[in-house]
N, C-alpha and C. Protein backbone atom coordinates (compact mmCIF):
# COMPACT_ATOMS: atom_id res chain seq x y z
N MET A 1 181.50 249.84 47.30
CA MET A 1 182.07 250.01 48.42
C MET A 1 183.30 249.77 48.85
N LYS A 2 184.74 250.38 49.40
CA LYS A 2 186.43 249.89 49.73
C LYS A 2 186.24 248.81 50.57
N LYS A 3 187.15 247.83 50.26
CA LYS A 3 187.42 247.11 51.53
C LYS A 3 188.34 246.99 52.31
N GLU A 4 188.18 246.66 53.14
CA GLU A 4 188.90 246.19 54.60
C GLU A 4 189.13 247.99 54.96
N ILE A 5 188.14 248.41 55.05
CA ILE A 5 188.38 249.85 55.53
C ILE A 5 187.68 250.11 56.79
N HIS A 6 186.37 249.26 56.86
CA HIS A 6 185.65 248.98 58.15
C HIS A 6 185.88 248.62 59.05
N PRO A 7 185.61 248.72 60.53
CA PRO A 7 185.88 248.10 61.52
C PRO A 7 185.34 246.86 61.70
N GLU A 8 185.83 245.91 62.48
CA GLU A 8 184.80 244.79 62.75
C GLU A 8 183.93 244.90 63.80
N TYR A 9 182.62 244.08 63.18
CA TYR A 9 181.51 244.41 63.83
C TYR A 9 181.07 243.30 64.65
N HIS A 10 180.94 243.27 66.00
CA HIS A 10 180.55 242.16 66.98
C HIS A 10 178.84 242.18 67.24
N ASN A 11 178.41 241.14 66.88
CA ASN A 11 176.73 240.79 67.13
C ASN A 11 176.56 240.88 68.41
N ASN A 12 177.33 240.59 69.35
CA ASN A 12 177.37 240.52 70.50
C ASN A 12 177.99 240.69 71.51
N ALA A 13 178.17 241.69 71.08
CA ALA A 13 179.25 243.15 72.53
C ALA A 13 178.73 243.17 73.47
N LYS A 14 179.16 242.71 74.77
CA LYS A 14 179.08 242.84 75.87
C LYS A 14 178.81 244.45 76.82
N ILE A 15 177.90 244.98 77.26
CA ILE A 15 178.24 246.06 77.93
C ILE A 15 178.16 245.74 79.49
N HIS A 16 178.88 246.40 80.21
CA HIS A 16 179.01 246.29 81.88
C HIS A 16 179.29 247.20 82.36
N CYS A 17 178.18 247.53 83.07
CA CYS A 17 177.93 249.06 83.90
C CYS A 17 178.43 248.61 85.05
N ALA A 18 178.51 250.04 85.77
CA ALA A 18 179.08 249.86 87.35
C ALA A 18 178.57 249.33 87.99
N CYS A 19 176.65 249.76 88.21
CA CYS A 19 175.87 248.99 88.83
C CYS A 19 175.81 247.45 88.90
N GLY A 20 176.42 246.62 87.89
CA GLY A 20 176.49 245.20 87.62
C GLY A 20 175.82 244.72 86.84
N ALA A 21 174.93 245.92 86.04
CA ALA A 21 174.23 245.21 84.66
C ALA A 21 175.31 244.57 83.87
N VAL A 22 174.57 243.85 82.75
CA VAL A 22 175.17 243.58 81.12
C VAL A 22 174.07 243.28 80.33
N PHE A 23 174.61 244.20 79.02
CA PHE A 23 173.89 244.21 78.09
C PHE A 23 174.57 243.43 77.22
N SER A 24 173.59 242.75 76.07
CA SER A 24 173.80 242.47 74.72
C SER A 24 173.72 243.27 73.83
N VAL A 25 174.87 243.87 72.80
CA VAL A 25 174.33 244.58 71.91
C VAL A 25 175.09 244.45 70.45
N GLY A 26 174.98 245.52 69.48
CA GLY A 26 175.35 244.92 68.50
C GLY A 26 176.87 246.00 68.50
N ALA A 27 177.82 246.16 68.21
CA ALA A 27 179.09 247.41 68.36
C ALA A 27 180.42 247.25 67.85
N THR A 28 181.21 248.00 67.77
CA THR A 28 182.47 247.55 67.11
C THR A 28 183.38 247.62 68.34
N LYS A 29 182.83 247.24 68.98
CA LYS A 29 184.08 246.80 69.99
C LYS A 29 183.52 245.59 70.99
N SER A 30 184.49 244.87 71.21
CA SER A 30 183.46 243.74 72.25
C SER A 30 183.07 243.66 73.16
N ASP A 31 184.02 244.47 73.88
CA ASP A 31 183.61 244.82 75.48
C ASP A 31 183.39 246.36 76.03
N ILE A 32 182.58 246.55 76.11
CA ILE A 32 182.60 248.47 76.73
C ILE A 32 181.87 248.19 78.61
N LYS A 33 182.77 249.19 78.90
CA LYS A 33 182.23 249.39 80.32
C LYS A 33 181.96 251.03 80.34
N VAL A 34 180.80 250.82 81.16
CA VAL A 34 179.73 252.40 80.91
C VAL A 34 179.70 252.53 82.39
N GLU A 35 179.58 254.02 82.94
CA GLU A 35 179.35 254.66 84.51
C GLU A 35 177.62 254.45 85.08
N ILE A 36 176.99 254.64 83.79
CA ILE A 36 175.71 254.34 84.35
C ILE A 36 174.78 253.94 83.16
N CYS A 37 173.79 253.30 83.62
CA CYS A 37 172.62 252.43 82.40
C CYS A 37 171.24 252.80 82.99
N SER A 38 170.55 252.15 82.32
CA SER A 38 169.17 252.32 82.00
C SER A 38 168.66 251.66 83.16
N HIS A 39 168.99 250.95 83.97
CA HIS A 39 169.09 250.44 85.40
C HIS A 39 169.30 251.15 86.15
N CYS A 40 170.11 252.14 86.50
CA CYS A 40 170.53 252.84 87.64
C CYS A 40 170.47 254.25 87.51
N HIS A 41 170.23 254.78 86.23
CA HIS A 41 170.08 256.06 86.00
C HIS A 41 168.52 256.68 86.63
N PRO A 42 168.37 257.68 87.32
CA PRO A 42 167.43 258.53 88.05
C PRO A 42 166.37 258.45 87.05
N PHE A 43 166.72 259.15 85.79
CA PHE A 43 165.85 259.36 84.65
C PHE A 43 164.61 258.29 84.66
N PHE A 44 165.43 256.81 84.53
CA PHE A 44 164.81 255.61 83.99
C PHE A 44 164.30 254.87 85.43
N THR A 45 164.89 255.14 86.23
CA THR A 45 164.48 254.35 87.69
C THR A 45 163.26 255.07 88.59
N GLY A 46 162.98 256.43 87.70
CA GLY A 46 161.76 257.50 88.67
C GLY A 46 162.25 257.80 89.95
N LYS A 47 163.50 257.73 90.26
CA LYS A 47 164.17 258.56 91.78
C LYS A 47 164.71 259.94 91.18
N GLU A 48 164.42 260.25 90.28
CA GLU A 48 165.00 262.02 89.84
C GLU A 48 164.73 262.88 90.57
N GLU A 49 165.38 263.63 91.05
CA GLU A 49 164.86 264.91 92.35
C GLU A 49 165.72 266.08 91.04
N LEU A 50 164.32 267.31 91.22
CA LEU A 50 164.90 268.16 90.84
C LEU A 50 165.64 269.17 91.84
N VAL A 51 166.78 269.57 91.67
CA VAL A 51 167.37 270.49 92.41
C VAL A 51 167.63 271.92 91.76
N ASP A 52 166.86 272.94 92.98
CA ASP A 52 166.82 273.83 92.78
C ASP A 52 168.15 274.44 93.44
N ILE A 53 169.00 275.11 91.83
CA ILE A 53 170.35 275.63 92.23
C ILE A 53 170.17 276.97 92.76
N ALA A 54 170.56 277.27 93.56
CA ALA A 54 170.61 278.91 94.19
C ALA A 54 169.51 279.51 94.21
N GLY A 55 168.22 279.17 94.58
CA GLY A 55 166.96 279.60 94.97
C GLY A 55 166.54 280.14 93.47
N ARG A 56 166.53 279.56 92.60
CA ARG A 56 166.12 280.20 91.49
C ARG A 56 164.70 280.37 91.16
N VAL A 57 163.87 279.32 91.87
CA VAL A 57 162.50 279.57 91.96
C VAL A 57 161.72 280.89 92.94
N GLU A 58 162.62 280.77 93.75
CA GLU A 58 162.24 281.84 94.87
C GLU A 58 162.63 283.35 93.95
N LYS A 59 164.31 283.60 93.03
CA LYS A 59 164.23 284.89 92.52
C LYS A 59 163.30 285.14 91.72
N PHE A 60 162.79 283.98 90.61
CA PHE A 60 162.02 284.24 89.91
C PHE A 60 160.60 284.77 90.47
N LYS A 61 159.84 284.04 91.67
CA LYS A 61 158.38 284.41 92.39
C LYS A 61 158.88 286.05 92.45
N ALA A 62 159.97 286.16 93.68
CA ALA A 62 160.53 287.44 93.97
C ALA A 62 160.21 288.32 93.14
N ARG A 63 160.62 288.58 91.79
CA ARG A 63 160.86 289.14 90.44
C ARG A 63 159.32 289.44 90.34
N LYS A 64 158.85 288.51 89.80
CA LYS A 64 157.09 288.93 89.23
C LYS A 64 156.23 289.55 90.58
N ALA A 65 156.66 288.65 91.88
CA ALA A 65 156.26 289.75 92.81
C ALA A 65 155.97 291.48 92.73
N LYS A 66 157.42 291.43 92.28
CA LYS A 66 158.01 292.80 92.48
C LYS A 66 157.08 293.82 91.29
N ALA A 67 157.06 292.90 90.15
CA ALA A 67 156.50 293.09 88.77
C ALA A 67 154.76 293.59 89.12
N VAL A 68 153.92 292.51 89.67
CA VAL A 68 152.98 293.01 90.34
C VAL A 68 152.47 294.21 90.90
N THR A 69 153.53 294.12 92.29
CA THR A 69 152.95 295.55 92.58
C THR A 69 153.78 296.81 91.86
N VAL A 70 154.65 296.86 91.34
CA VAL A 70 154.79 297.64 90.37
C VAL A 70 153.65 298.08 89.25
N VAL A 71 152.90 297.39 89.11
CA VAL A 71 151.95 297.50 88.00
C VAL A 71 150.94 297.93 88.54
N ALA A 72 150.52 297.48 89.61
CA ALA A 72 149.51 298.10 90.54
C ALA A 72 149.64 299.37 90.88
N LYS A 73 150.85 299.89 90.97
CA LYS A 73 151.32 301.30 91.90
C LYS A 73 150.70 302.20 90.83
N HIS A 74 151.22 302.03 89.37
CA HIS A 74 151.15 302.80 88.12
C HIS A 74 149.72 302.67 87.57
N GLN A 75 148.80 301.64 88.03
CA GLN A 75 147.63 301.62 87.76
C GLN A 75 147.01 302.61 88.41
N LYS A 76 147.02 302.66 90.13
CA LYS A 76 146.37 303.49 90.97
C LYS A 76 146.84 305.25 90.56
N LYS A 77 148.48 305.27 89.80
CA LYS A 77 148.57 306.94 89.77
C LYS A 77 147.74 307.13 88.49
N ALA A 78 147.76 306.20 87.65
CA ALA A 78 146.73 306.31 86.29
C ALA A 78 145.11 306.66 86.78
N ALA A 79 144.79 306.26 87.82
CA ALA A 79 143.55 306.18 87.99
C ALA A 79 143.41 307.54 88.69
N LYS A 80 144.19 307.92 89.51
CA LYS A 80 144.38 309.35 89.98
C LYS A 80 144.16 310.36 89.03
N LYS A 81 145.17 310.20 88.15
CA LYS A 81 145.29 311.09 86.80
C LYS A 81 143.79 311.70 86.15
N THR A 82 143.42 310.41 86.08
CA THR A 82 142.09 310.54 85.35
C THR A 82 140.94 311.37 86.16
N LEU A 83 140.90 311.25 87.46
CA LEU A 83 140.30 311.43 88.14
C LEU A 83 140.34 313.34 88.29
N LYS A 84 141.61 313.71 88.45
CA LYS A 84 141.87 314.89 88.56
C LYS A 84 141.36 315.85 86.96
N LYS A 85 141.49 314.56 86.11
CA LYS A 85 141.18 315.53 84.54
C LYS A 85 139.39 315.67 84.22
N LYS A 86 138.76 314.53 85.09
CA LYS A 86 137.60 314.61 85.36
C LYS A 86 137.03 316.18 86.06
N LYS A 87 137.33 316.21 87.15
CA LYS A 87 136.84 317.46 87.82
C LYS A 87 137.37 319.16 87.22
């Protein structure tokens, strides 16, 4: 392995979060500042909210309801056709 090409490794590098939490980890930088961490991220804190952008769920439900009515309409037509053939 070549010497003097690897960055210096700090065993006790400090990570400072915007929420005030401080972690000690191993890294190539001695001081790291982050905006969000596991103490303040909604996924880890359990405060995650699902956001329905532009009513996607409602749009999907409307498409599905329309498809069900179209299928029912076609089945009704097919049933009438088979009745006419039997007569």
